[in-house]
Amino acid sequence: MTPLDDVRVLDLTRLIPGPFATVVLRDLGAQVDKVEDGGAGDYLRQLPPQQGGANAGFHSLNRGKRSVVINLKTPAGKAAFERLLARYDVLFEQFRPGVLARLGLSHQRLRQRYPRLIICALTGYGQHGPLRDRAGHDLNYLARAGLLALQGPADGPP
């Protein structure tokens, strides 16, 4: 028995931060199911190094997860997503603030429809404030913290 044996997580994350967080939940026993769009899916799949048709990091960060393709931009996709969501305890999303609302799936609407649902929203700069709409990646945080300036002299190699 593990701490999260009875917890079901629906994962709308991509690249590294969200998949890392949800694989930790999976390692603690949660059932984590990943929703990917109908295009290329999680961007990390396409990046090198490739192993078995996908990025090696993608395999590591999504181990033990089931995956389903749903296009949240279509009425049929939204309906399928909501039917699926009814079976989960946690929704973990990693969109910029307002994206789910533009899709008709705002946090407020989801909380009303699924009162037990825990919504985890991972963003670079939070849901409110002057930087809320900016993409957040490791390089952005290093630059904002001044750490990139420590990578070497301005006139020398990195």
N, C-alpha and C. Protein backbone atom coordinates (compact mmCIF):
# COMPACT_ATOMS: atom_id res chain seq x y z
N MET A 1 0.85 -1.18 0.00
CA MET A 1 0.00 0.00 0.00
C MET A 1 0.89 1.25 0.00
N THR A 2 0.51 2.22 -0.81
CA THR A 2 1.26 3.48 -0.88
C THR A 2 0.35 4.64 -0.50
N PRO A 3 0.92 5.81 -0.18
CA PRO A 3 0.12 6.92 0.34
C PRO A 3 -1.03 7.39 -0.56
N LEU A 4 -0.89 7.28 -1.86
CA LEU A 4 -1.90 7.83 -2.77
C LEU A 4 -2.63 6.75 -3.58
N ASP A 5 -2.72 5.55 -3.03
CA ASP A 5 -3.34 4.43 -3.75
C ASP A 5 -4.72 4.72 -4.32
N ASP A 6 -5.54 5.45 -3.61
CA ASP A 6 -6.92 5.67 -4.04
C ASP A 6 -7.14 7.00 -4.74
N VAL A 7 -6.08 7.68 -5.12
CA VAL A 7 -6.19 9.00 -5.74
C VAL A 7 -6.04 8.87 -7.25
N ARG A 8 -6.96 9.53 -7.97
CA ARG A 8 -6.92 9.53 -9.44
C ARG A 8 -6.63 10.95 -9.92
N VAL A 9 -5.59 11.09 -10.75
CA VAL A 9 -5.13 12.40 -11.23
C VAL A 9 -5.27 12.46 -12.74
N LEU A 10 -5.91 13.51 -13.24
CA LEU A 10 -5.97 13.75 -14.68
C LEU A 10 -4.94 14.84 -14.99
N ASP A 11 -4.01 14.52 -15.85
CA ASP A 11 -2.81 15.32 -16.11
C ASP A 11 -2.90 16.04 -17.45
N LEU A 12 -3.00 17.37 -17.42
CA LEU A 12 -3.02 18.18 -18.64
C LEU A 12 -1.69 18.90 -18.84
N THR A 13 -0.61 18.38 -18.29
CA THR A 13 0.67 19.08 -18.33
C THR A 13 1.55 18.59 -19.47
N ARG A 14 2.61 19.36 -19.74
CA ARG A 14 3.55 19.00 -20.81
C ARG A 14 4.94 19.50 -20.49
N LEU A 15 5.87 19.09 -21.30
CA LEU A 15 7.29 19.40 -21.14
C LEU A 15 7.81 18.81 -19.83
N ILE A 16 8.37 19.62 -18.91
CA ILE A 16 9.04 19.04 -17.75
C ILE A 16 8.37 19.32 -16.40
N PRO A 17 8.04 20.56 -16.05
CA PRO A 17 7.58 20.81 -14.67
C PRO A 17 6.35 20.02 -14.26
N GLY A 18 5.28 20.09 -15.05
CA GLY A 18 4.06 19.36 -14.71
C GLY A 18 4.22 17.86 -14.74
N PRO A 19 4.80 17.31 -15.80
CA PRO A 19 5.01 15.86 -15.81
C PRO A 19 5.90 15.38 -14.65
N PHE A 20 6.87 16.21 -14.23
CA PHE A 20 7.68 15.82 -13.08
C PHE A 20 6.82 15.75 -11.82
N ALA A 21 5.98 16.77 -11.61
CA ALA A 21 5.11 16.77 -10.43
C ALA A 21 4.16 15.59 -10.44
N THR A 22 3.57 15.30 -11.59
CA THR A 22 2.59 14.21 -11.63
C THR A 22 3.23 12.83 -11.58
N VAL A 23 4.47 12.69 -12.05
CA VAL A 23 5.12 11.38 -11.93
C VAL A 23 5.49 11.12 -10.46
N VAL A 24 5.74 12.16 -9.69
CA VAL A 24 5.97 11.98 -8.25
C VAL A 24 4.68 11.46 -7.61
N LEU A 25 3.53 12.04 -7.99
CA LEU A 25 2.25 11.55 -7.47
C LEU A 25 2.04 10.09 -7.87
N ARG A 26 2.41 9.76 -9.09
CA ARG A 26 2.29 8.39 -9.57
C ARG A 26 3.20 7.46 -8.78
N ASP A 27 4.42 7.90 -8.53
CA ASP A 27 5.36 7.09 -7.75
C ASP A 27 4.86 6.86 -6.32
N LEU A 28 4.02 7.78 -5.83
CA LEU A 28 3.43 7.63 -4.50
C LEU A 28 2.13 6.83 -4.53
N GLY A 29 1.78 6.29 -5.71
CA GLY A 29 0.65 5.38 -5.81
C GLY A 29 -0.57 5.90 -6.52
N ALA A 30 -0.62 7.18 -6.87
CA ALA A 30 -1.79 7.71 -7.57
C ALA A 30 -1.89 7.11 -8.97
N GLN A 31 -3.11 6.98 -9.46
CA GLN A 31 -3.31 6.65 -10.87
C GLN A 31 -3.28 7.97 -11.61
N VAL A 32 -2.34 8.13 -12.53
CA VAL A 32 -2.20 9.37 -13.29
C VAL A 32 -2.44 9.07 -14.76
N ASP A 33 -3.42 9.76 -15.32
CA ASP A 33 -3.74 9.61 -16.74
C ASP A 33 -3.52 10.94 -17.43
N LYS A 34 -2.77 10.90 -18.52
CA LYS A 34 -2.34 12.10 -19.24
C LYS A 34 -3.25 12.36 -20.42
N VAL A 35 -3.68 13.62 -20.58
CA VAL A 35 -4.46 14.05 -21.74
C VAL A 35 -3.54 14.84 -22.65
N GLU A 36 -3.45 14.42 -23.90
CA GLU A 36 -2.63 15.14 -24.88
C GLU A 36 -3.53 15.60 -26.02
N ASP A 37 -3.13 16.70 -26.67
CA ASP A 37 -3.92 17.20 -27.79
C ASP A 37 -3.72 16.32 -29.02
N GLY A 38 -4.54 16.54 -30.02
CA GLY A 38 -4.52 15.69 -31.20
C GLY A 38 -3.40 15.97 -32.18
N GLY A 39 -2.61 17.00 -31.94
CA GLY A 39 -1.49 17.29 -32.83
C GLY A 39 -0.30 16.41 -32.50
N ALA A 40 0.78 17.04 -32.10
CA ALA A 40 2.01 16.30 -31.78
C ALA A 40 2.00 15.78 -30.35
N GLY A 41 0.97 16.11 -29.58
CA GLY A 41 0.94 15.71 -28.18
C GLY A 41 1.90 16.55 -27.36
N ASP A 42 2.39 16.01 -26.29
CA ASP A 42 3.35 16.69 -25.42
C ASP A 42 4.59 17.05 -26.26
N TYR A 43 4.97 18.33 -26.24
CA TYR A 43 6.12 18.79 -27.04
C TYR A 43 7.39 18.00 -26.75
N LEU A 44 7.52 17.53 -25.52
CA LEU A 44 8.73 16.81 -25.13
C LEU A 44 8.92 15.53 -25.95
N ARG A 45 7.84 14.96 -26.44
CA ARG A 45 7.93 13.74 -27.27
C ARG A 45 8.86 13.93 -28.46
N GLN A 46 8.85 15.14 -29.04
CA GLN A 46 9.54 15.39 -30.31
C GLN A 46 11.03 15.71 -30.16
N LEU A 47 11.46 16.08 -28.97
CA LEU A 47 12.83 16.54 -28.79
C LEU A 47 13.82 15.37 -28.69
N PRO A 48 15.07 15.58 -29.14
CA PRO A 48 16.09 14.55 -28.95
C PRO A 48 16.56 14.55 -27.50
N PRO A 49 17.14 13.48 -27.01
CA PRO A 49 17.40 12.21 -27.69
C PRO A 49 16.14 11.36 -27.73
N GLN A 50 15.97 10.68 -28.84
CA GLN A 50 14.81 9.82 -29.06
C GLN A 50 15.13 8.38 -28.66
N GLN A 51 14.13 7.73 -28.10
CA GLN A 51 14.24 6.31 -27.76
C GLN A 51 12.85 5.72 -27.96
N GLY A 52 12.73 4.76 -28.82
CA GLY A 52 11.43 4.14 -29.05
C GLY A 52 10.41 5.10 -29.62
N GLY A 53 10.84 6.06 -30.43
CA GLY A 53 9.92 6.99 -31.07
C GLY A 53 9.55 8.21 -30.26
N ALA A 54 10.12 8.37 -29.08
CA ALA A 54 9.83 9.55 -28.27
C ALA A 54 11.08 9.91 -27.46
N ASN A 55 11.07 11.12 -26.96
CA ASN A 55 12.18 11.62 -26.16
C ASN A 55 12.38 10.76 -24.91
N ALA A 56 13.63 10.48 -24.60
CA ALA A 56 13.94 9.65 -23.43
C ALA A 56 13.41 10.29 -22.14
N GLY A 57 13.50 11.60 -22.03
CA GLY A 57 12.95 12.30 -20.86
C GLY A 57 11.44 12.17 -20.77
N PHE A 58 10.78 12.19 -21.93
CA PHE A 58 9.33 11.99 -21.95
C PHE A 58 8.99 10.64 -21.33
N HIS A 59 9.72 9.61 -21.74
CA HIS A 59 9.47 8.27 -21.18
C HIS A 59 9.65 8.27 -19.67
N SER A 60 10.70 8.92 -19.19
CA SER A 60 10.98 8.95 -17.76
C SER A 60 9.90 9.70 -16.98
N LEU A 61 9.50 10.87 -17.49
CA LEU A 61 8.54 11.71 -16.77
C LEU A 61 7.10 11.23 -16.88
N ASN A 62 6.85 10.30 -17.78
CA ASN A 62 5.48 9.82 -17.97
C ASN A 62 5.35 8.33 -17.74
N ARG A 63 6.33 7.74 -17.07
CA ARG A 63 6.29 6.30 -16.80
C ARG A 63 5.07 5.96 -15.94
N GLY A 64 4.44 4.88 -16.30
CA GLY A 64 3.30 4.40 -15.52
C GLY A 64 2.02 5.17 -15.74
N LYS A 65 2.02 6.16 -16.62
CA LYS A 65 0.81 6.93 -16.90
C LYS A 65 0.13 6.36 -18.14
N ARG A 66 -1.19 6.38 -18.13
CA ARG A 66 -1.93 6.09 -19.35
C ARG A 66 -2.13 7.42 -20.08
N SER A 67 -2.30 7.35 -21.38
CA SER A 67 -2.44 8.57 -22.17
C SER A 67 -3.63 8.47 -23.09
N VAL A 68 -4.34 9.59 -23.24
CA VAL A 68 -5.48 9.66 -24.14
C VAL A 68 -5.36 10.97 -24.93
N VAL A 69 -5.80 10.94 -26.18
CA VAL A 69 -5.78 12.14 -27.02
C VAL A 69 -7.18 12.75 -27.02
N ILE A 70 -7.27 14.03 -26.61
CA ILE A 70 -8.52 14.77 -26.63
C ILE A 70 -8.24 16.18 -27.12
N ASN A 71 -8.99 16.63 -28.11
CA ASN A 71 -8.86 18.00 -28.60
C ASN A 71 -9.83 18.88 -27.82
N LEU A 72 -9.32 19.64 -26.87
CA LEU A 72 -10.16 20.48 -26.02
C LEU A 72 -10.72 21.69 -26.76
N LYS A 73 -10.32 21.89 -28.00
CA LYS A 73 -10.82 23.04 -28.78
C LYS A 73 -12.09 22.71 -29.56
N THR A 74 -12.56 21.48 -29.46
CA THR A 74 -13.79 21.10 -30.16
C THR A 74 -14.88 20.78 -29.14
N PRO A 75 -16.15 20.99 -29.52
CA PRO A 75 -17.24 20.63 -28.60
C PRO A 75 -17.21 19.16 -28.20
N ALA A 76 -16.92 18.28 -29.15
CA ALA A 76 -16.86 16.85 -28.82
C ALA A 76 -15.72 16.55 -27.86
N GLY A 77 -14.58 17.21 -28.06
CA GLY A 77 -13.44 17.02 -27.16
C GLY A 77 -13.73 17.52 -25.76
N LYS A 78 -14.37 18.69 -25.66
CA LYS A 78 -14.72 19.22 -24.33
C LYS A 78 -15.70 18.30 -23.62
N ALA A 79 -16.68 17.79 -24.35
CA ALA A 79 -17.65 16.87 -23.75
C ALA A 79 -16.97 15.59 -23.28
N ALA A 80 -16.07 15.06 -24.09
CA ALA A 80 -15.33 13.85 -23.69
C ALA A 80 -14.48 14.11 -22.46
N PHE A 81 -13.83 15.27 -22.43
CA PHE A 81 -12.99 15.64 -21.29
C PHE A 81 -13.83 15.71 -20.02
N GLU A 82 -14.99 16.34 -20.08
CA GLU A 82 -15.83 16.47 -18.88
C GLU A 82 -16.37 15.13 -18.42
N ARG A 83 -16.71 14.25 -19.34
CA ARG A 83 -17.14 12.90 -18.94
C ARG A 83 -15.99 12.18 -18.23
N LEU A 84 -14.80 12.33 -18.76
CA LEU A 84 -13.62 11.71 -18.17
C LEU A 84 -13.32 12.31 -16.80
N LEU A 85 -13.38 13.63 -16.71
CA LEU A 85 -13.03 14.34 -15.48
C LEU A 85 -13.89 13.92 -14.29
N ALA A 86 -15.12 13.53 -14.56
CA ALA A 86 -16.03 13.14 -13.48
C ALA A 86 -15.49 11.97 -12.66
N ARG A 87 -14.53 11.23 -13.20
CA ARG A 87 -13.98 10.05 -12.51
C ARG A 87 -12.71 10.34 -11.71
N TYR A 88 -12.28 11.60 -11.67
CA TYR A 88 -10.97 11.94 -11.08
C TYR A 88 -11.12 12.77 -9.81
N ASP A 89 -10.09 12.69 -8.98
CA ASP A 89 -10.01 13.46 -7.74
C ASP A 89 -9.25 14.77 -7.95
N VAL A 90 -8.27 14.74 -8.85
CA VAL A 90 -7.36 15.88 -9.04
C VAL A 90 -7.22 16.17 -10.53
N LEU A 91 -7.27 17.46 -10.88
CA LEU A 91 -6.93 17.91 -12.22
C LEU A 91 -5.65 18.72 -12.08
N PHE A 92 -4.63 18.33 -12.81
CA PHE A 92 -3.34 19.03 -12.77
C PHE A 92 -3.14 19.66 -14.14
N GLU A 93 -3.13 21.01 -14.19
CA GLU A 93 -2.98 21.70 -15.47
C GLU A 93 -1.83 22.68 -15.43
N GLN A 94 -1.30 22.99 -16.60
CA GLN A 94 -0.08 23.79 -16.71
C GLN A 94 -0.21 24.86 -17.80
N PHE A 95 -1.44 25.30 -18.06
CA PHE A 95 -1.65 26.33 -19.06
C PHE A 95 -1.38 27.71 -18.47
N ARG A 96 -1.17 28.69 -19.33
CA ARG A 96 -1.10 30.06 -18.83
C ARG A 96 -2.48 30.42 -18.28
N PRO A 97 -2.52 31.36 -17.32
CA PRO A 97 -3.82 31.75 -16.74
C PRO A 97 -4.81 32.17 -17.83
N GLY A 98 -6.03 31.69 -17.71
CA GLY A 98 -7.09 32.06 -18.64
C GLY A 98 -7.30 31.11 -19.80
N VAL A 99 -6.37 30.22 -20.07
CA VAL A 99 -6.52 29.32 -21.22
C VAL A 99 -7.71 28.38 -21.03
N LEU A 100 -7.82 27.74 -19.88
CA LEU A 100 -8.96 26.85 -19.66
C LEU A 100 -10.27 27.62 -19.72
N ALA A 101 -10.30 28.84 -19.20
CA ALA A 101 -11.51 29.66 -19.26
C ALA A 101 -11.90 29.94 -20.71
N ARG A 102 -10.93 30.26 -21.55
CA ARG A 102 -11.22 30.50 -22.97
C ARG A 102 -11.77 29.25 -23.66
N LEU A 103 -11.42 28.10 -23.14
CA LEU A 103 -11.94 26.84 -23.68
C LEU A 103 -13.30 26.48 -23.10
N GLY A 104 -13.82 27.35 -22.20
CA GLY A 104 -15.09 27.06 -21.55
C GLY A 104 -14.95 26.13 -20.37
N LEU A 105 -13.72 25.98 -19.86
CA LEU A 105 -13.44 25.05 -18.76
C LEU A 105 -12.76 25.78 -17.60
N SER A 106 -13.31 26.94 -17.23
CA SER A 106 -12.68 27.73 -16.17
C SER A 106 -12.64 26.95 -14.86
N HIS A 107 -11.71 27.33 -14.00
CA HIS A 107 -11.62 26.69 -12.69
C HIS A 107 -12.95 26.83 -11.95
N GLN A 108 -13.58 28.01 -12.03
CA GLN A 108 -14.85 28.23 -11.33
C GLN A 108 -15.93 27.27 -11.85
N ARG A 109 -16.04 27.14 -13.16
CA ARG A 109 -17.04 26.25 -13.73
C ARG A 109 -16.76 24.80 -13.34
N LEU A 110 -15.50 24.39 -13.38
CA LEU A 110 -15.17 23.01 -13.02
C LEU A 110 -15.43 22.75 -11.54
N ARG A 111 -15.16 23.74 -10.68
CA ARG A 111 -15.43 23.56 -9.24
C ARG A 111 -16.93 23.43 -8.98
N GLN A 112 -17.74 24.19 -9.73
CA GLN A 112 -19.20 24.09 -9.56
C GLN A 112 -19.70 22.72 -10.01
N ARG A 113 -19.20 22.26 -11.12
CA ARG A 113 -19.67 20.99 -11.66
C ARG A 113 -19.11 19.79 -10.89
N TYR A 114 -17.88 19.90 -10.40
CA TYR A 114 -17.20 18.80 -9.70
C TYR A 114 -16.70 19.32 -8.35
N PRO A 115 -17.57 19.46 -7.36
CA PRO A 115 -17.18 20.09 -6.09
C PRO A 115 -16.04 19.39 -5.34
N ARG A 116 -15.86 18.10 -5.55
CA ARG A 116 -14.79 17.36 -4.87
C ARG A 116 -13.44 17.51 -5.56
N LEU A 117 -13.43 18.02 -6.78
CA LEU A 117 -12.22 18.09 -7.60
C LEU A 117 -11.20 19.06 -7.01
N ILE A 118 -9.98 18.60 -6.91
CA ILE A 118 -8.85 19.45 -6.53
C ILE A 118 -8.17 19.88 -7.82
N ILE A 119 -8.04 21.20 -8.02
CA ILE A 119 -7.41 21.71 -9.23
C ILE A 119 -6.04 22.26 -8.87
N CYS A 120 -5.02 21.68 -9.46
CA CYS A 120 -3.64 22.16 -9.29
C CYS A 120 -3.24 22.86 -10.57
N ALA A 121 -2.94 24.15 -10.48
CA ALA A 121 -2.55 24.94 -11.66
C ALA A 121 -1.10 25.37 -11.50
N LEU A 122 -0.26 24.83 -12.35
CA LEU A 122 1.17 25.15 -12.32
C LEU A 122 1.44 26.20 -13.39
N THR A 123 1.91 27.38 -12.96
CA THR A 123 2.22 28.45 -13.90
C THR A 123 3.60 29.01 -13.58
N GLY A 124 4.16 29.72 -14.53
CA GLY A 124 5.47 30.31 -14.32
C GLY A 124 5.46 31.44 -13.32
N TYR A 125 4.40 32.26 -13.37
CA TYR A 125 4.39 33.47 -12.55
C TYR A 125 3.08 33.66 -11.78
N GLY A 126 2.31 32.61 -11.60
CA GLY A 126 1.09 32.69 -10.81
C GLY A 126 -0.14 33.07 -11.63
N GLN A 127 -1.29 33.04 -10.98
CA GLN A 127 -2.57 33.33 -11.63
C GLN A 127 -2.87 34.83 -11.72
N HIS A 128 -2.21 35.63 -10.90
CA HIS A 128 -2.49 37.06 -10.83
C HIS A 128 -1.16 37.82 -10.90
N GLY A 129 -1.23 39.10 -11.17
CA GLY A 129 -0.02 39.90 -11.16
C GLY A 129 0.46 40.27 -12.54
N PRO A 130 1.45 41.14 -12.61
CA PRO A 130 1.88 41.70 -13.89
C PRO A 130 2.55 40.71 -14.85
N LEU A 131 3.08 39.62 -14.36
CA LEU A 131 3.77 38.67 -15.23
C LEU A 131 2.94 37.42 -15.54
N ARG A 132 1.69 37.39 -15.11
CA ARG A 132 0.86 36.18 -15.19
C ARG A 132 0.75 35.58 -16.59
N ASP A 133 0.79 36.41 -17.64
CA ASP A 133 0.61 35.91 -19.00
C ASP A 133 1.90 35.49 -19.69
N ARG A 134 3.01 35.64 -19.03
CA ARG A 134 4.30 35.25 -19.64
C ARG A 134 4.54 33.75 -19.49
N ALA A 135 5.20 33.22 -20.50
CA ALA A 135 5.60 31.82 -20.41
C ALA A 135 6.71 31.72 -19.37
N GLY A 136 6.73 30.64 -18.66
CA GLY A 136 7.77 30.46 -17.66
C GLY A 136 8.56 29.20 -17.93
N HIS A 137 9.85 29.38 -18.10
CA HIS A 137 10.75 28.25 -18.31
C HIS A 137 12.00 28.50 -17.47
N ASP A 138 12.76 27.47 -17.24
CA ASP A 138 13.94 27.56 -16.40
C ASP A 138 14.84 28.72 -16.79
N LEU A 139 15.08 28.90 -18.07
CA LEU A 139 15.95 29.97 -18.54
C LEU A 139 15.41 31.34 -18.15
N ASN A 140 14.08 31.51 -18.20
CA ASN A 140 13.47 32.77 -17.78
C ASN A 140 13.76 33.05 -16.31
N TYR A 141 13.62 32.05 -15.48
CA TYR A 141 13.83 32.23 -14.04
C TYR A 141 15.29 32.54 -13.73
N LEU A 142 16.20 31.85 -14.40
CA LEU A 142 17.63 32.11 -14.19
C LEU A 142 17.98 33.54 -14.58
N ALA A 143 17.44 34.01 -15.70
CA ALA A 143 17.72 35.37 -16.15
C ALA A 143 17.15 36.39 -15.17
N ARG A 144 15.91 36.21 -14.75
CA ARG A 144 15.26 37.16 -13.83
C ARG A 144 15.98 37.21 -12.49
N ALA A 145 16.57 36.10 -12.08
CA ALA A 145 17.29 36.05 -10.81
C ALA A 145 18.72 36.57 -10.93
N GLY A 146 19.17 36.88 -12.14
CA GLY A 146 20.52 37.38 -12.34
C GLY A 146 21.57 36.30 -12.43
N LEU A 147 21.15 35.05 -12.47
CA LEU A 147 22.12 33.96 -12.47
C LEU A 147 22.80 33.76 -13.82
N LEU A 148 22.16 34.19 -14.91
CA LEU A 148 22.81 34.04 -16.21
C LEU A 148 24.06 34.91 -16.30
N ALA A 149 24.06 36.02 -15.59
CA ALA A 149 25.23 36.91 -15.59
C ALA A 149 26.43 36.24 -14.94
N LEU A 150 26.20 35.21 -14.15
CA LEU A 150 27.28 34.51 -13.46
C LEU A 150 27.86 33.37 -14.28
N GLN A 151 27.38 33.18 -15.49
CA GLN A 151 27.81 32.06 -16.32
C GLN A 151 29.15 32.28 -17.00
N GLY A 152 29.72 33.44 -16.86
CA GLY A 152 31.02 33.73 -17.48
C GLY A 152 31.12 35.22 -17.76
N PRO A 153 32.29 35.68 -18.13
CA PRO A 153 32.46 37.10 -18.41
C PRO A 153 31.68 37.51 -19.66
N ALA A 154 31.22 38.77 -19.69
CA ALA A 154 30.41 39.26 -20.80
C ALA A 154 31.15 39.14 -22.13
N ASP A 155 32.45 39.27 -22.13
CA ASP A 155 33.21 39.21 -23.38
C ASP A 155 33.88 37.86 -23.60
N GLY A 156 33.52 36.86 -22.79
CA GLY A 156 34.14 35.54 -22.91
C GLY A 156 33.12 34.47 -23.25
N PRO A 157 33.57 33.24 -23.33
CA PRO A 157 32.65 32.13 -23.64
C PRO A 157 31.75 31.83 -22.44
N PRO A 158 30.63 31.19 -22.71
CA PRO A 158 29.72 30.85 -21.59
C PRO A 158 30.34 29.82 -20.66
